[in-house]
Amino acid sequence: MNILLRLEPTTIIVHHSLTEDSKTVSWSAIRRYHIHEKGWFDIGYHAGVERAGDEYEILFGRPWDFIGAHCENHNRDSLGICFVGNFDSAPPPEAQIIVGVKVIKLWMRMFHIGPEKIFPHSQFAAKSCPGSKFDMEWFREMVRQ
């Protein structure tokens, strides 16, 4: 498969890293893992949201028009966003969600994707991702506002 083929996204898939967010940039650790351990050309997600110091930041992953490596059988038609943290242990902080919603709203406008086309990774894989304490309905409502 040519990873440089252009992506024409119709959905957005939400993930969590299943790691604790330690106020340091672990996005680069995820990127290194995907490149060096998995053998991919870049991190599998198109964007991430992580706490850096006392604030949450949007971190860029793959170019938004490149096929991702975040959800088997849906990499060609979806954008993947990863919220850094383990949301099986606790719900994501509202401040993190607010920052993530910004990039998702941008994607929705750019690619004409409605909120009904935002899915948890668990819809396509036998995982809890983006975490059992990540409230997708509340998240979709935040996106609609």
C-alpha atoms as a PDB file:
ATOM      1  CA  MET A   1       0.000   0.000   0.000  1.00  0.00           C
ATOM      2  CA  ASN A   2       1.290   3.443  -0.869  1.00  0.00           C
ATOM      3  CA  ILE A   3       0.928   5.560   2.278  1.00  0.00           C
ATOM      4  CA  LEU A   4       1.346   8.719   0.282  1.00  0.00           C
ATOM      5  CA  LEU A   5      -1.956   8.223  -1.533  1.00  0.00           C
ATOM      6  CA  ARG A   6      -4.292  11.092  -0.883  1.00  0.00           C
ATOM      7  CA  LEU A   7      -6.930  10.692   1.776  1.00  0.00           C
ATOM      8  CA  GLU A   8     -10.506  11.780   1.206  1.00  0.00           C
ATOM      9  CA  PRO A   9     -11.901  11.553   4.743  1.00  0.00           C
ATOM     10  CA  THR A  10     -15.558  10.939   5.435  1.00  0.00           C
ATOM     11  CA  THR A  11     -15.228  10.131   9.148  1.00  0.00           C
ATOM     12  CA  ILE A  12     -13.239  11.089  12.236  1.00  0.00           C
ATOM     13  CA  ILE A  13     -12.066   8.406  14.656  1.00  0.00           C
ATOM     14  CA  VAL A  14     -11.270   9.263  18.279  1.00  0.00           C
ATOM     15  CA  HIS A  15      -8.498   7.459  20.191  1.00  0.00           C
ATOM     16  CA  HIS A  16      -6.674   7.635  23.505  1.00  0.00           C
ATOM     17  CA  SER A  17      -3.027   6.733  24.006  1.00  0.00           C
ATOM     18  CA  LEU A  18      -3.743   4.471  27.013  1.00  0.00           C
ATOM     19  CA  THR A  19      -0.739   6.112  28.678  1.00  0.00           C
ATOM     20  CA  GLU A  20      -0.649   8.621  31.486  1.00  0.00           C
ATOM     21  CA  ASP A  21      -0.181  12.228  30.407  1.00  0.00           C
ATOM     22  CA  SER A  22       2.816  13.422  32.394  1.00  0.00           C
ATOM     23  CA  LYS A  23       2.895  17.127  31.421  1.00  0.00           C
ATOM     24  CA  THR A  24       5.808  16.351  29.122  1.00  0.00           C
ATOM     25  CA  VAL A  25       5.530  15.746  25.415  1.00  0.00           C
ATOM     26  CA  SER A  26       4.940  12.041  25.001  1.00  0.00           C
ATOM     27  CA  TRP A  27       3.643  12.654  21.474  1.00  0.00           C
ATOM     28  CA  SER A  28       7.236  12.366  20.271  1.00  0.00           C
ATOM     29  CA  ALA A  29       7.549   9.037  22.121  1.00  0.00           C
ATOM     30  CA  ILE A  30       4.429   7.766  20.350  1.00  0.00           C
ATOM     31  CA  ARG A  31       5.859   8.969  17.032  1.00  0.00           C
ATOM     32  CA  ARG A  32       9.188   7.199  17.703  1.00  0.00           C
ATOM     33  CA  TYR A  33       7.341   3.996  18.601  1.00  0.00           C
ATOM     34  CA  HIS A  34       5.290   4.103  15.408  1.00  0.00           C
ATOM     35  CA  ILE A  35       8.359   4.790  13.250  1.00  0.00           C
ATOM     36  CA  HIS A  36      10.983   2.579  14.890  1.00  0.00           C
ATOM     37  CA  GLU A  37       8.904  -0.281  16.303  1.00  0.00           C
ATOM     38  CA  LYS A  38       6.058  -0.449  13.797  1.00  0.00           C
ATOM     39  CA  GLY A  39       8.119   0.611  10.770  1.00  0.00           C
ATOM     40  CA  TRP A  40       5.698   3.320   9.658  1.00  0.00           C
ATOM     41  CA  PHE A  41       6.877   6.521   7.958  1.00  0.00           C
ATOM     42  CA  ASP A  42       5.288   8.678  10.684  1.00  0.00           C
ATOM     43  CA  ILE A  43       2.935   8.574  13.642  1.00  0.00           C
ATOM     44  CA  GLY A  44      -0.341   6.863  12.730  1.00  0.00           C
ATOM     45  CA  TYR A  45      -2.662   9.675  13.850  1.00  0.00           C
ATOM     46  CA  HIS A  46      -3.378  12.940  12.076  1.00  0.00           C
ATOM     47  CA  ALA A  47      -3.447  14.948  15.309  1.00  0.00           C
ATOM     48  CA  GLY A  48      -3.089  14.583  19.042  1.00  0.00           C
ATOM     49  CA  VAL A  49      -4.077  16.538  22.123  1.00  0.00           C
ATOM     50  CA  GLU A  50      -1.674  16.538  25.031  1.00  0.00           C
ATOM     51  CA  ARG A  51      -0.846  18.567  28.105  1.00  0.00           C
ATOM     52  CA  ALA A  52       2.435  20.448  27.797  1.00  0.00           C
ATOM     53  CA  GLY A  53       3.177  22.130  31.098  1.00  0.00           C
ATOM     54  CA  ASP A  54      -0.121  23.547  32.332  1.00  0.00           C
ATOM     55  CA  GLU A  55      -1.938  23.779  29.006  1.00  0.00           C
ATOM     56  CA  TYR A  56      -3.273  21.389  26.391  1.00  0.00           C
ATOM     57  CA  GLU A  57      -1.952  21.646  22.868  1.00  0.00           C
ATOM     58  CA  ILE A  58      -2.886  20.246  19.480  1.00  0.00           C
ATOM     59  CA  LEU A  59       0.015  18.301  18.049  1.00  0.00           C
ATOM     60  CA  PHE A  60       0.323  17.530  14.374  1.00  0.00           C
ATOM     61  CA  GLY A  61       0.715  14.005  13.117  1.00  0.00           C
ATOM     62  CA  ARG A  62       0.413  12.829   9.540  1.00  0.00           C
ATOM     63  CA  PRO A  63      -0.587  15.396   6.960  1.00  0.00           C
ATOM     64  CA  TRP A  64      -4.368  15.633   6.898  1.00  0.00           C
ATOM     65  CA  ASP A  65      -4.579  14.492   3.311  1.00  0.00           C
ATOM     66  CA  PHE A  66      -2.394  11.371   3.811  1.00  0.00           C
ATOM     67  CA  ILE A  67      -3.732   7.951   4.719  1.00  0.00           C
ATOM     68  CA  GLY A  68      -3.403   7.266   8.437  1.00  0.00           C
ATOM     69  CA  ALA A  69      -2.414   4.154  10.373  1.00  0.00           C
ATOM     70  CA  HIS A  70      -4.823   4.384  13.298  1.00  0.00           C
ATOM     71  CA  CYS A  71      -7.799   2.124  12.526  1.00  0.00           C
ATOM     72  CA  GLU A  72      -7.576  -1.040  10.477  1.00  0.00           C
ATOM     73  CA  ASN A  73      -9.933  -1.036   7.465  1.00  0.00           C
ATOM     74  CA  HIS A  74     -10.707   2.679   7.980  1.00  0.00           C
ATOM     75  CA  ASN A  75      -7.369   4.380   7.391  1.00  0.00           C
ATOM     76  CA  ARG A  76      -8.330   5.366   3.835  1.00  0.00           C
ATOM     77  CA  ASP A  77     -11.545   7.161   4.774  1.00  0.00           C
ATOM     78  CA  SER A  78     -10.901   8.647   8.204  1.00  0.00           C
ATOM     79  CA  LEU A  79      -8.904  11.175  10.161  1.00  0.00           C
ATOM     80  CA  GLY A  80      -7.539   9.956  13.483  1.00  0.00           C
ATOM     81  CA  ILE A  81      -7.158  12.076  16.600  1.00  0.00           C
ATOM     82  CA  CYS A  82      -5.485  10.775  19.748  1.00  0.00           C
ATOM     83  CA  PHE A  83      -6.141  12.251  23.179  1.00  0.00           C
ATOM     84  CA  VAL A  84      -3.043  11.490  25.239  1.00  0.00           C
ATOM     85  CA  GLY A  85      -4.105   9.821  28.465  1.00  0.00           C
ATOM     86  CA  ASN A  86      -5.707   6.680  29.845  1.00  0.00           C
ATOM     87  CA  PHE A  87      -9.452   7.216  29.840  1.00  0.00           C
ATOM     88  CA  ASP A  88     -10.201   3.758  31.150  1.00  0.00           C
ATOM     89  CA  SER A  89      -8.879   5.093  34.498  1.00  0.00           C
ATOM     90  CA  ALA A  90     -10.502   8.539  34.566  1.00  0.00           C
ATOM     91  CA  PRO A  91     -12.470  10.759  32.185  1.00  0.00           C
ATOM     92  CA  PRO A  92     -10.518  13.205  30.033  1.00  0.00           C
ATOM     93  CA  PRO A  93     -10.180  16.705  31.460  1.00  0.00           C
ATOM     94  CA  GLU A  94     -12.674  19.148  29.977  1.00  0.00           C
ATOM     95  CA  ALA A  95      -9.799  21.487  29.027  1.00  0.00           C
ATOM     96  CA  GLN A  96      -8.293  18.725  26.880  1.00  0.00           C
ATOM     97  CA  ILE A  97     -11.611  18.079  25.156  1.00  0.00           C
ATOM     98  CA  ILE A  98     -12.110  21.792  24.437  1.00  0.00           C
ATOM     99  CA  VAL A  99      -8.732  21.942  22.685  1.00  0.00           C
ATOM    100  CA  GLY A 100      -9.419  18.749  20.696  1.00  0.00           C
ATOM    101  CA  VAL A 101     -12.809  20.027  19.594  1.00  0.00           C
ATOM    102  CA  LYS A 102     -11.048  22.935  17.857  1.00  0.00           C
ATOM    103  CA  VAL A 103      -9.187  20.682  15.429  1.00  0.00           C
ATOM    104  CA  ILE A 104     -12.211  18.457  14.900  1.00  0.00           C
ATOM    105  CA  LYS A 105     -14.406  21.453  14.024  1.00  0.00           C
ATOM    106  CA  LEU A 106     -11.753  22.559  11.554  1.00  0.00           C
ATOM    107  CA  TRP A 107     -11.722  19.090   9.955  1.00  0.00           C
ATOM    108  CA  MET A 108     -15.516  19.066   9.837  1.00  0.00           C
ATOM    109  CA  ARG A 109     -15.531  22.346   7.892  1.00  0.00           C
ATOM    110  CA  MET A 110     -12.638  21.422   5.621  1.00  0.00           C
ATOM    111  CA  PHE A 111     -13.890  17.955   4.710  1.00  0.00           C
ATOM    112  CA  HIS A 112     -17.681  18.409   5.153  1.00  0.00           C
ATOM    113  CA  ILE A 113     -17.962  15.817   7.922  1.00  0.00           C
ATOM    114  CA  GLY A 114     -20.990  15.935  10.240  1.00  0.00           C
ATOM    115  CA  PRO A 115     -20.888  15.141  13.977  1.00  0.00           C
ATOM    116  CA  GLU A 116     -22.732  11.878  13.320  1.00  0.00           C
ATOM    117  CA  LYS A 117     -19.592  10.712  11.457  1.00  0.00           C
ATOM    118  CA  ILE A 118     -17.359  10.990  14.551  1.00  0.00           C
ATOM    119  CA  PHE A 119     -16.734   7.549  16.016  1.00  0.00           C
ATOM    120  CA  PRO A 120     -14.842   5.985  18.885  1.00  0.00           C
ATOM    121  CA  HIS A 121     -12.088   3.605  17.788  1.00  0.00           C
ATOM    122  CA  SER A 122     -13.946   0.904  19.738  1.00  0.00           C
ATOM    123  CA  GLN A 123     -16.685   0.940  17.094  1.00  0.00           C
ATOM    124  CA  PHE A 124     -14.218  -0.644  14.672  1.00  0.00           C
ATOM    125  CA  ALA A 125     -11.920  -2.654  16.961  1.00  0.00           C
ATOM    126  CA  ALA A 126     -12.279  -4.874  20.037  1.00  0.00           C
ATOM    127  CA  LYS A 127     -10.873  -2.172  22.327  1.00  0.00           C
ATOM    128  CA  SER A 128     -12.239   0.309  24.840  1.00  0.00           C
ATOM    129  CA  CYS A 129     -10.569   3.146  22.908  1.00  0.00           C
ATOM    130  CA  PRO A 130     -10.917   6.089  23.518  1.00  0.00           C
ATOM    131  CA  GLY A 131     -11.557   4.709  26.983  1.00  0.00           C
ATOM    132  CA  SER A 132     -14.509   3.464  29.002  1.00  0.00           C
ATOM    133  CA  LYS A 133     -14.714   6.833  30.789  1.00  0.00           C
ATOM    134  CA  PHE A 134     -14.615   8.902  27.571  1.00  0.00           C
ATOM    135  CA  ASP A 135     -18.218  10.014  27.036  1.00  0.00           C
ATOM    136  CA  MET A 136     -18.686  10.062  23.243  1.00  0.00           C
ATOM    137  CA  GLU A 137     -22.190  11.547  23.402  1.00  0.00           C
ATOM    138  CA  TRP A 138     -20.965  14.448  25.524  1.00  0.00           C
ATOM    139  CA  PHE A 139     -18.009  14.816  23.162  1.00  0.00           C
ATOM    140  CA  ARG A 140     -20.284  14.970  20.096  1.00  0.00           C
ATOM    141  CA  GLU A 141     -22.411  17.580  21.896  1.00  0.00           C
ATOM    142  CA  MET A 142     -19.284  19.681  22.496  1.00  0.00           C
ATOM    143  CA  VAL A 143     -18.524  19.436  18.773  1.00  0.00           C
ATOM    144  CA  ARG A 144     -22.068  20.517  17.853  1.00  0.00           C
ATOM    145  CA  GLN A 145     -21.848  23.702  19.980  1.00  0.00           C
END
